[in-house]
Amino acid sequence: ERVLMVSIFQDPLYPYSGAVPKGENMVNL
């Protein structure tokens, strides 16, 4: 909870992850 990660990335593309965030401290685009 001390870290907020915001990211953009092409999807689908290696490493074929990120569409569903692993934690609530993520803003994945």
mmCIF file of all heavy atoms, coordinates in Angstrom:
data_MODEL
# 
_entry.id   MODEL 
# 
loop_
_atom_site.group_PDB 
_atom_site.id 
_atom_site.type_symbol 
_atom_site.label_atom_id 
_atom_site.label_alt_id 
_atom_site.label_comp_id 
_atom_site.label_asym_id 
_atom_site.label_entity_id 
_atom_site.label_seq_id 
_atom_site.pdbx_PDB_ins_code 
_atom_site.Cartn_x 
_atom_site.Cartn_y 
_atom_site.Cartn_z 
_atom_site.occupancy 
_atom_site.B_iso_or_equiv 
_atom_site.pdbx_formal_charge 
_atom_site.auth_seq_id 
_atom_site.auth_comp_id 
_atom_site.auth_asym_id 
_atom_site.auth_atom_id 
_atom_site.pdbx_PDB_model_num 
ATOM 1   N N   . GLU A 1 1  ? 0.801  -1.215  0.000   1.00 0.00 ? 1  GLU A N   1 
ATOM 2   C CA  . GLU A 1 1  ? 0.000  0.000   0.000   1.00 0.00 ? 1  GLU A CA  1 
ATOM 3   C C   . GLU A 1 1  ? 0.838  1.270   0.000   1.00 0.00 ? 1  GLU A C   1 
ATOM 4   O O   . GLU A 1 1  ? 0.315  2.362   -0.208  1.00 0.00 ? 1  GLU A O   1 
ATOM 5   C CB  . GLU A 1 1  ? -0.945 -0.004  1.207   1.00 0.00 ? 1  GLU A CB  1 
ATOM 6   C CG  . GLU A 1 1  ? -1.972 -1.120  1.146   1.00 0.00 ? 1  GLU A CG  1 
ATOM 7   C CD  . GLU A 1 1  ? -2.898 -1.121  2.344   1.00 0.00 ? 1  GLU A CD  1 
ATOM 8   O OE1 . GLU A 1 1  ? -2.655 -0.329  3.286   1.00 0.00 ? 1  GLU A OE1 1 
ATOM 9   O OE2 . GLU A 1 1  ? -3.867 -1.914  2.334   1.00 0.00 ? 1  GLU A OE2 1 
ATOM 10  N N   . ARG A 1 2  ? 2.144  1.125   0.203   1.00 0.00 ? 2  ARG A N   1 
ATOM 11  C CA  . ARG A 1 2  ? 3.031  2.290   0.176   1.00 0.00 ? 2  ARG A CA  1 
ATOM 12  C C   . ARG A 1 2  ? 3.420  2.678   -1.245  1.00 0.00 ? 2  ARG A C   1 
ATOM 13  O O   . ARG A 1 2  ? 4.048  3.721   -1.458  1.00 0.00 ? 2  ARG A O   1 
ATOM 14  C CB  . ARG A 1 2  ? 4.301  2.006   0.974   1.00 0.00 ? 2  ARG A CB  1 
ATOM 15  C CG  . ARG A 1 2  ? 4.059  1.599   2.425   1.00 0.00 ? 2  ARG A CG  1 
ATOM 16  C CD  . ARG A 1 2  ? 5.354  1.109   3.061   1.00 0.00 ? 2  ARG A CD  1 
ATOM 17  N NE  . ARG A 1 2  ? 5.887  -0.053  2.349   1.00 0.00 ? 2  ARG A NE  1 
ATOM 18  C CZ  . ARG A 1 2  ? 7.115  -0.539  2.554   1.00 0.00 ? 2  ARG A CZ  1 
ATOM 19  N NH1 . ARG A 1 2  ? 7.929  0.037   3.428   1.00 0.00 ? 2  ARG A NH1 1 
ATOM 20  N NH2 . ARG A 1 2  ? 7.524  -1.600  1.887   1.00 0.00 ? 2  ARG A NH2 1 
ATOM 21  N N   . VAL A 1 3  ? 3.056  1.835   -2.211  1.00 0.00 ? 3  VAL A N   1 
ATOM 22  C CA  . VAL A 1 3  ? 3.469  2.037   -3.598  1.00 0.00 ? 3  VAL A CA  1 
ATOM 23  C C   . VAL A 1 3  ? 2.248  2.067   -4.497  1.00 0.00 ? 3  VAL A C   1 
ATOM 24  O O   . VAL A 1 3  ? 1.386  1.181   -4.414  1.00 0.00 ? 3  VAL A O   1 
ATOM 25  C CB  . VAL A 1 3  ? 4.418  0.923   -4.085  1.00 0.00 ? 3  VAL A CB  1 
ATOM 26  C CG1 . VAL A 1 3  ? 4.958  1.252   -5.479  1.00 0.00 ? 3  VAL A CG1 1 
ATOM 27  C CG2 . VAL A 1 3  ? 5.564  0.705   -3.101  1.00 0.00 ? 3  VAL A CG2 1 
ATOM 28  N N   . LEU A 1 4  ? 2.187  3.068   -5.369  1.00 0.00 ? 4  LEU A N   1 
ATOM 29  C CA  . LEU A 1 4  ? 1.207  3.090   -6.457  1.00 0.00 ? 4  LEU A CA  1 
ATOM 30  C C   . LEU A 1 4  ? 1.966  2.921   -7.763  1.00 0.00 ? 4  LEU A C   1 
ATOM 31  O O   . LEU A 1 4  ? 2.913  3.665   -8.034  1.00 0.00 ? 4  LEU A O   1 
ATOM 32  C CB  . LEU A 1 4  ? 0.443  4.410   -6.484  1.00 0.00 ? 4  LEU A CB  1 
ATOM 33  C CG  . LEU A 1 4  ? -0.467 4.619   -7.710  1.00 0.00 ? 4  LEU A CG  1 
ATOM 34  C CD1 . LEU A 1 4  ? -1.649 3.652   -7.677  1.00 0.00 ? 4  LEU A CD1 1 
ATOM 35  C CD2 . LEU A 1 4  ? -0.951 6.062   -7.789  1.00 0.00 ? 4  LEU A CD2 1 
ATOM 36  N N   . MET A 1 5  ? 1.574  1.931   -8.563  1.00 0.00 ? 5  MET A N   1 
ATOM 37  C CA  . MET A 1 5  ? 2.195  1.726   -9.871  1.00 0.00 ? 5  MET A CA  1 
ATOM 38  C C   . MET A 1 5  ? 1.189  2.073   -10.957 1.00 0.00 ? 5  MET A C   1 
ATOM 39  O O   . MET A 1 5  ? 0.077  1.528   -10.977 1.00 0.00 ? 5  MET A O   1 
ATOM 40  C CB  . MET A 1 5  ? 2.669  0.287   -10.035 1.00 0.00 ? 5  MET A CB  1 
ATOM 41  C CG  . MET A 1 5  ? 3.346  0.012   -11.372 1.00 0.00 ? 5  MET A CG  1 
ATOM 42  S SD  . MET A 1 5  ? 3.935  -1.705  -11.493 1.00 0.00 ? 5  MET A SD  1 
ATOM 43  C CE  . MET A 1 5  ? 4.613  -1.698  -13.165 1.00 0.00 ? 5  MET A CE  1 
ATOM 44  N N   . VAL A 1 6  ? 1.556  2.965   -11.852 1.00 0.00 ? 6  VAL A N   1 
ATOM 45  C CA  . VAL A 1 6  ? 0.733  3.282   -13.016 1.00 0.00 ? 6  VAL A CA  1 
ATOM 46  C C   . VAL A 1 6  ? 1.538  2.927   -14.260 1.00 0.00 ? 6  VAL A C   1 
ATOM 47  O O   . VAL A 1 6  ? 2.733  3.193   -14.331 1.00 0.00 ? 6  VAL A O   1 
ATOM 48  C CB  . VAL A 1 6  ? 0.291  4.761   -13.031 1.00 0.00 ? 6  VAL A CB  1 
ATOM 49  C CG1 . VAL A 1 6  ? -0.508 5.090   -11.789 1.00 0.00 ? 6  VAL A CG1 1 
ATOM 50  C CG2 . VAL A 1 6  ? 1.466  5.714   -13.157 1.00 0.00 ? 6  VAL A CG2 1 
ATOM 51  N N   . SER A 1 7  ? 0.879  2.302   -15.229 1.00 0.00 ? 7  SER A N   1 
ATOM 52  C CA  . SER A 1 7  ? 1.628  1.854   -16.399 1.00 0.00 ? 7  SER A CA  1 
ATOM 53  C C   . SER A 1 7  ? 0.759  1.847   -17.645 1.00 0.00 ? 7  SER A C   1 
ATOM 54  O O   . SER A 1 7  ? -0.464 1.769   -17.578 1.00 0.00 ? 7  SER A O   1 
ATOM 55  C CB  . SER A 1 7  ? 2.190  0.440   -16.164 1.00 0.00 ? 7  SER A CB  1 
ATOM 56  O OG  . SER A 1 7  ? 1.148  -0.506  -16.036 1.00 0.00 ? 7  SER A OG  1 
ATOM 57  N N   . ILE A 1 8  ? 1.443  1.979   -18.774 1.00 0.00 ? 8  ILE A N   1 
ATOM 58  C CA  . ILE A 1 8  ? 0.848  1.697   -20.071 1.00 0.00 ? 8  ILE A CA  1 
ATOM 59  C C   . ILE A 1 8  ? 1.656  0.570   -20.697 1.00 0.00 ? 8  ILE A C   1 
ATOM 60  O O   . ILE A 1 8  ? 2.838  0.402   -20.403 1.00 0.00 ? 8  ILE A O   1 
ATOM 61  C CB  . ILE A 1 8  ? 0.854  2.923   -21.010 1.00 0.00 ? 8  ILE A CB  1 
ATOM 62  C CG1 . ILE A 1 8  ? 2.284  3.419   -21.248 1.00 0.00 ? 8  ILE A CG1 1 
ATOM 63  C CG2 . ILE A 1 8  ? -0.040 4.027   -20.476 1.00 0.00 ? 8  ILE A CG2 1 
ATOM 64  C CD1 . ILE A 1 8  ? 2.414  4.427   -22.370 1.00 0.00 ? 8  ILE A CD1 1 
ATOM 65  N N   . PHE A 1 9  ? 1.019  -0.191  -21.570 1.00 0.00 ? 9  PHE A N   1 
ATOM 66  C CA  . PHE A 1 9  ? 1.734  -1.246  -22.282 1.00 0.00 ? 9  PHE A CA  1 
ATOM 67  C C   . PHE A 1 9  ? 0.837  -1.762  -23.392 1.00 0.00 ? 9  PHE A C   1 
ATOM 68  O O   . PHE A 1 9  ? -0.388 -1.725  -23.294 1.00 0.00 ? 9  PHE A O   1 
ATOM 69  C CB  . PHE A 1 9  ? 2.132  -2.400  -21.351 1.00 0.00 ? 9  PHE A CB  1 
ATOM 70  C CG  . PHE A 1 9  ? 1.015  -2.928  -20.506 1.00 0.00 ? 9  PHE A CG  1 
ATOM 71  C CD1 . PHE A 1 9  ? 0.226  -3.986  -20.943 1.00 0.00 ? 9  PHE A CD1 1 
ATOM 72  C CD2 . PHE A 1 9  ? 0.742  -2.365  -19.272 1.00 0.00 ? 9  PHE A CD2 1 
ATOM 73  C CE1 . PHE A 1 9  ? -0.817 -4.468  -20.164 1.00 0.00 ? 9  PHE A CE1 1 
ATOM 74  C CE2 . PHE A 1 9  ? -0.298 -2.840  -18.482 1.00 0.00 ? 9  PHE A CE2 1 
ATOM 75  C CZ  . PHE A 1 9  ? -1.086 -3.894  -18.923 1.00 0.00 ? 9  PHE A CZ  1 
ATOM 76  N N   . GLN A 1 10 ? 1.469  -2.233  -24.458 1.00 0.00 ? 10 GLN A N   1 
ATOM 77  C CA  . GLN A 1 10 ? 0.705  -2.826  -25.557 1.00 0.00 ? 10 GLN A CA  1 
ATOM 78  C C   . GLN A 1 10 ? 0.148  -4.164  -25.114 1.00 0.00 ? 10 GLN A C   1 
ATOM 79  O O   . GLN A 1 10 ? 0.833  -4.955  -24.444 1.00 0.00 ? 10 GLN A O   1 
ATOM 80  C CB  . GLN A 1 10 ? 1.602  -3.005  -26.782 1.00 0.00 ? 10 GLN A CB  1 
ATOM 81  C CG  . GLN A 1 10 ? 0.878  -3.573  -27.996 1.00 0.00 ? 10 GLN A CG  1 
ATOM 82  C CD  . GLN A 1 10 ? 1.785  -3.704  -29.202 1.00 0.00 ? 10 GLN A CD  1 
ATOM 83  O OE1 . GLN A 1 10 ? 2.647  -2.866  -29.429 1.00 0.00 ? 10 GLN A OE1 1 
ATOM 84  N NE2 . GLN A 1 10 ? 1.609  -4.759  -29.976 1.00 0.00 ? 10 GLN A NE2 1 
ATOM 85  N N   . ASP A 1 11 ? -1.079 -4.433  -25.493 1.00 0.00 ? 11 ASP A N   1 
ATOM 86  C CA  . ASP A 1 11 ? -1.723 -5.693  -25.142 1.00 0.00 ? 11 ASP A CA  1 
ATOM 87  C C   . ASP A 1 11 ? -2.560 -6.182  -26.322 1.00 0.00 ? 11 ASP A C   1 
ATOM 88  O O   . ASP A 1 11 ? -3.408 -5.440  -26.825 1.00 0.00 ? 11 ASP A O   1 
ATOM 89  C CB  . ASP A 1 11 ? -2.609 -5.491  -23.912 1.00 0.00 ? 11 ASP A CB  1 
ATOM 90  C CG  . ASP A 1 11 ? -3.281 -6.775  -23.446 1.00 0.00 ? 11 ASP A CG  1 
ATOM 91  O OD1 . ASP A 1 11 ? -2.544 -7.735  -23.178 1.00 0.00 ? 11 ASP A OD1 1 
ATOM 92  O OD2 . ASP A 1 11 ? -4.516 -6.784  -23.367 1.00 0.00 ? 11 ASP A OD2 1 
ATOM 93  N N   . PRO A 1 12 ? -2.322 -7.416  -26.797 1.00 0.00 ? 12 PRO A N   1 
ATOM 94  C CA  . PRO A 1 12 ? -1.389 -8.408  -26.260 1.00 0.00 ? 12 PRO A CA  1 
ATOM 95  C C   . PRO A 1 12 ? 0.041  -8.182  -26.762 1.00 0.00 ? 12 PRO A C   1 
ATOM 96  O O   . PRO A 1 12 ? 0.246  -7.753  -27.896 1.00 0.00 ? 12 PRO A O   1 
ATOM 97  C CB  . PRO A 1 12 ? -1.940 -9.735  -26.795 1.00 0.00 ? 12 PRO A CB  1 
ATOM 98  C CG  . PRO A 1 12 ? -2.602 -9.356  -28.096 1.00 0.00 ? 12 PRO A CG  1 
ATOM 99  C CD  . PRO A 1 12 ? -3.181 -7.983  -27.865 1.00 0.00 ? 12 PRO A CD  1 
ATOM 100 N N   . LEU A 1 13 ? 0.993  -8.479  -25.931 1.00 0.00 ? 13 LEU A N   1 
ATOM 101 C CA  . LEU A 1 13 ? 2.420  -8.410  -26.243 1.00 0.00 ? 13 LEU A CA  1 
ATOM 102 C C   . LEU A 1 13 ? 3.164  -9.007  -25.052 1.00 0.00 ? 13 LEU A C   1 
ATOM 103 O O   . LEU A 1 13 ? 2.660  -8.995  -23.927 1.00 0.00 ? 13 LEU A O   1 
ATOM 104 C CB  . LEU A 1 13 ? 2.857  -6.952  -26.483 1.00 0.00 ? 13 LEU A CB  1 
ATOM 105 C CG  . LEU A 1 13 ? 4.276  -6.737  -27.033 1.00 0.00 ? 13 LEU A CG  1 
ATOM 106 C CD1 . LEU A 1 13 ? 4.393  -7.271  -28.468 1.00 0.00 ? 13 LEU A CD1 1 
ATOM 107 C CD2 . LEU A 1 13 ? 4.668  -5.257  -26.983 1.00 0.00 ? 13 LEU A CD2 1 
ATOM 108 N N   . TYR A 1 14 ? 4.365  -9.507  -25.310 1.00 0.00 ? 14 TYR A N   1 
ATOM 109 C CA  . TYR A 1 14 ? 5.213  -10.026 -24.235 1.00 0.00 ? 14 TYR A CA  1 
ATOM 110 C C   . TYR A 1 14 ? 5.219  -9.040  -23.061 1.00 0.00 ? 14 TYR A C   1 
ATOM 111 O O   . TYR A 1 14 ? 5.315  -7.831  -23.291 1.00 0.00 ? 14 TYR A O   1 
ATOM 112 C CB  . TYR A 1 14 ? 6.648  -10.223 -24.756 1.00 0.00 ? 14 TYR A CB  1 
ATOM 113 C CG  . TYR A 1 14 ? 7.615  -10.727 -23.708 1.00 0.00 ? 14 TYR A CG  1 
ATOM 114 C CD1 . TYR A 1 14 ? 7.813  -12.093 -23.533 1.00 0.00 ? 14 TYR A CD1 1 
ATOM 115 C CD2 . TYR A 1 14 ? 8.310  -9.843  -22.887 1.00 0.00 ? 14 TYR A CD2 1 
ATOM 116 C CE1 . TYR A 1 14 ? 8.694  -12.556 -22.561 1.00 0.00 ? 14 TYR A CE1 1 
ATOM 117 C CE2 . TYR A 1 14 ? 9.180  -10.303 -21.912 1.00 0.00 ? 14 TYR A CE2 1 
ATOM 118 C CZ  . TYR A 1 14 ? 9.367  -11.656 -21.756 1.00 0.00 ? 14 TYR A CZ  1 
ATOM 119 O OH  . TYR A 1 14 ? 10.228 -12.120 -20.790 1.00 0.00 ? 14 TYR A OH  1 
ATOM 120 N N   . PRO A 1 15 ? 5.119  -9.503  -21.832 1.00 0.00 ? 15 PRO A N   1 
ATOM 121 C CA  . PRO A 1 15 ? 5.079  -10.900 -21.352 1.00 0.00 ? 15 PRO A CA  1 
ATOM 122 C C   . PRO A 1 15 ? 3.655  -11.439 -21.163 1.00 0.00 ? 15 PRO A C   1 
ATOM 123 O O   . PRO A 1 15 ? 3.466  -12.363 -20.374 1.00 0.00 ? 15 PRO A O   1 
ATOM 124 C CB  . PRO A 1 15 ? 5.802  -10.794 -20.005 1.00 0.00 ? 15 PRO A CB  1 
ATOM 125 C CG  . PRO A 1 15 ? 5.404  -9.452  -19.495 1.00 0.00 ? 15 PRO A CG  1 
ATOM 126 C CD  . PRO A 1 15 ? 5.332  -8.564  -20.713 1.00 0.00 ? 15 PRO A CD  1 
ATOM 127 N N   . TYR A 1 16 ? 2.713  -10.853 -21.902 1.00 0.00 ? 16 TYR A N   1 
ATOM 128 C CA  . TYR A 1 16 ? 1.322  -11.337 -21.919 1.00 0.00 ? 16 TYR A CA  1 
ATOM 129 C C   . TYR A 1 16 ? 0.722  -11.351 -20.504 1.00 0.00 ? 16 TYR A C   1 
ATOM 130 O O   . TYR A 1 16 ? 0.158  -12.350 -20.047 1.00 0.00 ? 16 TYR A O   1 
ATOM 131 C CB  . TYR A 1 16 ? 1.251  -12.719 -22.575 1.00 0.00 ? 16 TYR A CB  1 
ATOM 132 C CG  . TYR A 1 16 ? 1.822  -12.689 -23.967 1.00 0.00 ? 16 TYR A CG  1 
ATOM 133 C CD1 . TYR A 1 16 ? 3.108  -13.168 -24.215 1.00 0.00 ? 16 TYR A CD1 1 
ATOM 134 C CD2 . TYR A 1 16 ? 1.128  -12.104 -25.023 1.00 0.00 ? 16 TYR A CD2 1 
ATOM 135 C CE1 . TYR A 1 16 ? 3.660  -13.093 -25.491 1.00 0.00 ? 16 TYR A CE1 1 
ATOM 136 C CE2 . TYR A 1 16 ? 1.667  -12.028 -26.299 1.00 0.00 ? 16 TYR A CE2 1 
ATOM 137 C CZ  . TYR A 1 16 ? 2.937  -12.525 -26.523 1.00 0.00 ? 16 TYR A CZ  1 
ATOM 138 O OH  . TYR A 1 16 ? 3.484  -12.445 -27.775 1.00 0.00 ? 16 TYR A OH  1 
ATOM 139 N N   . SER A 1 17 ? 0.854  -10.218 -19.845 1.00 0.00 ? 17 SER A N   1 
ATOM 140 C CA  . SER A 1 17 ? 0.324  -10.058 -18.494 1.00 0.00 ? 17 SER A CA  1 
ATOM 141 C C   . SER A 1 17 ? -0.139 -8.618  -18.331 1.00 0.00 ? 17 SER A C   1 
ATOM 142 O O   . SER A 1 17 ? 0.046  -7.786  -19.216 1.00 0.00 ? 17 SER A O   1 
ATOM 143 C CB  . SER A 1 17 ? 1.414  -10.384 -17.456 1.00 0.00 ? 17 SER A CB  1 
ATOM 144 O OG  . SER A 1 17 ? 2.525  -9.504  -17.600 1.00 0.00 ? 17 SER A OG  1 
ATOM 145 N N   . GLY A 1 18 ? -0.761 -8.338  -17.197 1.00 0.00 ? 18 GLY A N   1 
ATOM 146 C CA  . GLY A 1 18 ? -1.122 -6.976  -16.851 1.00 0.00 ? 18 GLY A CA  1 
ATOM 147 C C   . GLY A 1 18 ? -2.555 -6.592  -17.122 1.00 0.00 ? 18 GLY A C   1 
ATOM 148 O O   . GLY A 1 18 ? -3.046 -5.599  -16.582 1.00 0.00 ? 18 GLY A O   1 
ATOM 149 N N   . ALA A 1 19 ? -3.252 -7.330  -17.965 1.00 0.00 ? 19 ALA A N   1 
ATOM 150 C CA  . ALA A 1 19 ? -4.639 -6.968  -18.255 1.00 0.00 ? 19 ALA A CA  1 
ATOM 151 C C   . ALA A 1 19 ? -5.497 -7.025  -16.996 1.00 0.00 ? 19 ALA A C   1 
ATOM 152 O O   . ALA A 1 19 ? -6.418 -6.226  -16.818 1.00 0.00 ? 19 ALA A O   1 
ATOM 153 C CB  . ALA A 1 19 ? -5.204 -7.889  -19.334 1.00 0.00 ? 19 ALA A CB  1 
ATOM 154 N N   . VAL A 1 20 ? -5.168 -7.975  -16.122 1.00 0.00 ? 20 VAL A N   1 
ATOM 155 C CA  . VAL A 1 20 ? -5.811 -8.066  -14.810 1.00 0.00 ? 20 VAL A CA  1 
ATOM 156 C C   . VAL A 1 20 ? -4.750 -7.756  -13.764 1.00 0.00 ? 20 VAL A C   1 
ATOM 157 O O   . VAL A 1 20 ? -3.837 -8.563  -13.553 1.00 0.00 ? 20 VAL A O   1 
ATOM 158 C CB  . VAL A 1 20 ? -6.417 -9.465  -14.570 1.00 0.00 ? 20 VAL A CB  1 
ATOM 159 C CG1 . VAL A 1 20 ? -7.046 -9.528  -13.179 1.00 0.00 ? 20 VAL A CG1 1 
ATOM 160 C CG2 . VAL A 1 20 ? -7.435 -9.794  -15.646 1.00 0.00 ? 20 VAL A CG2 1 
ATOM 161 N N   . PRO A 1 21 ? -4.816 -6.614  -13.103 1.00 0.00 ? 21 PRO A N   1 
ATOM 162 C CA  . PRO A 1 21 ? -3.780 -6.253  -12.126 1.00 0.00 ? 21 PRO A CA  1 
ATOM 163 C C   . PRO A 1 21 ? -3.711 -7.248  -10.974 1.00 0.00 ? 21 PRO A C   1 
ATOM 164 O O   . PRO A 1 21 ? -4.718 -7.826  -10.569 1.00 0.00 ? 21 PRO A O   1 
ATOM 165 C CB  . PRO A 1 21 ? -4.212 -4.865  -11.637 1.00 0.00 ? 21 PRO A CB  1 
ATOM 166 C CG  . PRO A 1 21 ? -5.139 -4.348  -12.693 1.00 0.00 ? 21 PRO A CG  1 
ATOM 167 C CD  . PRO A 1 21 ? -5.815 -5.549  -13.262 1.00 0.00 ? 21 PRO A CD  1 
ATOM 168 N N   . LYS A 1 22 ? -2.493 -7.413  -10.430 1.00 0.00 ? 22 LYS A N   1 
ATOM 169 C CA  . LYS A 1 22 ? -2.306 -8.324  -9.301  1.00 0.00 ? 22 LYS A CA  1 
ATOM 170 C C   . LYS A 1 22 ? -2.702 -7.703  -7.969  1.00 0.00 ? 22 LYS A C   1 
ATOM 171 O O   . LYS A 1 22 ? -2.854 -8.420  -6.980  1.00 0.00 ? 22 LYS A O   1 
ATOM 172 C CB  . LYS A 1 22 ? -0.838 -8.765  -9.225  1.00 0.00 ? 22 LYS A CB  1 
ATOM 173 C CG  . LYS A 1 22 ? -0.437 -9.809  -10.234 1.00 0.00 ? 22 LYS A CG  1 
ATOM 174 C CD  . LYS A 1 22 ? 0.952  -10.337 -9.910  1.00 0.00 ? 22 LYS A CD  1 
ATOM 175 C CE  . LYS A 1 22 ? 1.298  -11.561 -10.753 1.00 0.00 ? 22 LYS A CE  1 
ATOM 176 N NZ  . LYS A 1 22 ? 2.613  -12.135 -10.387 1.00 0.00 ? 22 LYS A NZ  1 
ATOM 177 N N   . GLY A 1 23 ? -2.797 -6.368  -7.917  1.00 0.00 ? 23 GLY A N   1 
ATOM 178 C CA  . GLY A 1 23 ? -3.113 -5.717  -6.662  1.00 0.00 ? 23 GLY A CA  1 
ATOM 179 C C   . GLY A 1 23 ? -3.926 -4.456  -6.887  1.00 0.00 ? 23 GLY A C   1 
ATOM 180 O O   . GLY A 1 23 ? -3.986 -3.927  -8.003  1.00 0.00 ? 23 GLY A O   1 
ATOM 181 N N   . GLU A 1 24 ? -4.530 -3.961  -5.816  1.00 0.00 ? 24 GLU A N   1 
ATOM 182 C CA  . GLU A 1 24 ? -5.329 -2.747  -5.922  1.00 0.00 ? 24 GLU A CA  1 
ATOM 183 C C   . GLU A 1 24 ? -4.476 -1.499  -6.035  1.00 0.00 ? 24 GLU A C   1 
ATOM 184 O O   . GLU A 1 24 ? -5.009 -0.421  -6.312  1.00 0.00 ? 24 GLU A O   1 
ATOM 185 C CB  . GLU A 1 24 ? -6.266 -2.643  -4.708  1.00 0.00 ? 24 GLU A CB  1 
ATOM 186 C CG  . GLU A 1 24 ? -7.318 -3.744  -4.670  1.00 0.00 ? 24 GLU A CG  1 
ATOM 187 C CD  . GLU A 1 24 ? -8.280 -3.596  -3.510  1.00 0.00 ? 24 GLU A CD  1 
ATOM 188 O OE1 . GLU A 1 24 ? -8.101 -2.650  -2.713  1.00 0.00 ? 24 GLU A OE1 1 
ATOM 189 O OE2 . GLU A 1 24 ? -9.206 -4.430  -3.402  1.00 0.00 ? 24 GLU A OE2 1 
ATOM 190 N N   . ASN A 1 25 ? -3.175 -1.630  -5.831  1.00 0.00 ? 25 ASN A N   1 
ATOM 191 C CA  . ASN A 1 25 ? -2.267 -0.482  -5.951  1.00 0.00 ? 25 ASN A CA  1 
ATOM 192 C C   . ASN A 1 25 ? -1.709 -0.350  -7.360  1.00 0.00 ? 25 ASN A C   1 
ATOM 193 O O   . ASN A 1 25 ? -0.603 0.146   -7.555  1.00 0.00 ? 25 ASN A O   1 
ATOM 194 C CB  . ASN A 1 25 ? -1.132 -0.593  -4.933  1.00 0.00 ? 25 ASN A CB  1 
ATOM 195 C CG  . ASN A 1 25 ? -0.292 -1.868  -5.101  1.00 0.00 ? 25 ASN A CG  1 
ATOM 196 O OD1 . ASN A 1 25 ? -0.821 -2.921  -5.469  1.00 0.00 ? 25 ASN A OD1 1 
ATOM 197 N ND2 . ASN A 1 25 ? 0.990  -1.766  -4.811  1.00 0.00 ? 25 ASN A ND2 1 
ATOM 198 N N   . MET A 1 26 ? -2.464 -0.799  -8.360  1.00 0.00 ? 26 MET A N   1 
ATOM 199 C CA  . MET A 1 26 ? -2.050 -0.756  -9.766  1.00 0.00 ? 26 MET A CA  1 
ATOM 200 C C   . MET A 1 26 ? -3.079 0.000   -10.592 1.00 0.00 ? 26 MET A C   1 
ATOM 201 O O   . MET A 1 26 ? -4.287 -0.183  -10.402 1.00 0.00 ? 26 MET A O   1 
ATOM 202 C CB  . MET A 1 26 ? -1.955 -2.168  -10.361 1.00 0.00 ? 26 MET A CB  1 
ATOM 203 C CG  . MET A 1 26 ? -1.173 -3.168  -9.549  1.00 0.00 ? 26 MET A CG  1 
ATOM 204 S SD  . MET A 1 26 ? 0.582  -2.919  -9.759  1.00 0.00 ? 26 MET A SD  1 
ATOM 205 C CE  . MET A 1 26 ? 1.196  -3.980  -8.458  1.00 0.00 ? 26 MET A CE  1 
ATOM 206 N N   . VAL A 1 27 ? -2.594 0.810   -11.514 1.00 0.00 ? 27 VAL A N   1 
ATOM 207 C CA  . VAL A 1 27 ? -3.442 1.367   -12.567 1.00 0.00 ? 27 VAL A CA  1 
ATOM 208 C C   . VAL A 1 27 ? -2.805 0.935   -13.881 1.00 0.00 ? 27 VAL A C   1 
ATOM 209 O O   . VAL A 1 27 ? -1.857 1.553   -14.377 1.00 0.00 ? 27 VAL A O   1 
ATOM 210 C CB  . VAL A 1 27 ? -3.552 2.902   -12.490 1.00 0.00 ? 27 VAL A CB  1 
ATOM 211 C CG1 . VAL A 1 27 ? -4.425 3.422   -13.627 1.00 0.00 ? 27 VAL A CG1 1 
ATOM 212 C CG2 . VAL A 1 27 ? -4.123 3.332   -11.142 1.00 0.00 ? 27 VAL A CG2 1 
ATOM 213 N N   . ASN A 1 28 ? -3.274 -0.176  -14.413 1.00 0.00 ? 28 ASN A N   1 
ATOM 214 C CA  . ASN A 1 28 ? -2.731 -0.749  -15.641 1.00 0.00 ? 28 ASN A CA  1 
ATOM 215 C C   . ASN A 1 28 ? -3.571 -0.309  -16.839 1.00 0.00 ? 28 ASN A C   1 
ATOM 216 O O   . ASN A 1 28 ? -4.794 -0.464  -16.819 1.00 0.00 ? 28 ASN A O   1 
ATOM 217 C CB  . ASN A 1 28 ? -2.736 -2.274  -15.579 1.00 0.00 ? 28 ASN A CB  1 
ATOM 218 C CG  . ASN A 1 28 ? -1.786 -2.835  -14.529 1.00 0.00 ? 28 ASN A CG  1 
ATOM 219 O OD1 . ASN A 1 28 ? -1.121 -2.081  -13.827 1.00 0.00 ? 28 ASN A OD1 1 
ATOM 220 N ND2 . ASN A 1 28 ? -1.731 -4.154  -14.433 1.00 0.00 ? 28 ASN A ND2 1 
ATOM 221 N N   . LEU A 1 29 ? -2.909 0.197   -17.866 1.00 0.00 ? 29 LEU A N   1 
ATOM 222 C CA  . LEU A 1 29 ? -3.613 0.613   -19.074 1.00 0.00 ? 29 LEU A CA  1 
ATOM 223 C C   . LEU A 1 29 ? -3.140 -0.225  -20.258 1.00 0.00 ? 29 LEU A C   1 
ATOM 224 O O   . LEU A 1 29 ? -2.185 0.130   -20.953 1.00 0.00 ? 29 LEU A O   1 
ATOM 225 C CB  . LEU A 1 29 ? -3.360 2.102   -19.360 1.00 0.00 ? 29 LEU A CB  1 
ATOM 226 C CG  . LEU A 1 29 ? -3.764 3.110   -18.277 1.00 0.00 ? 29 LEU A CG  1 
ATOM 227 C CD1 . LEU A 1 29 ? -3.542 4.533   -18.781 1.00 0.00 ? 29 LEU A CD1 1 
ATOM 228 C CD2 . LEU A 1 29 ? -5.218 2.905   -17.880 1.00 0.00 ? 29 LEU A CD2 1 
# 
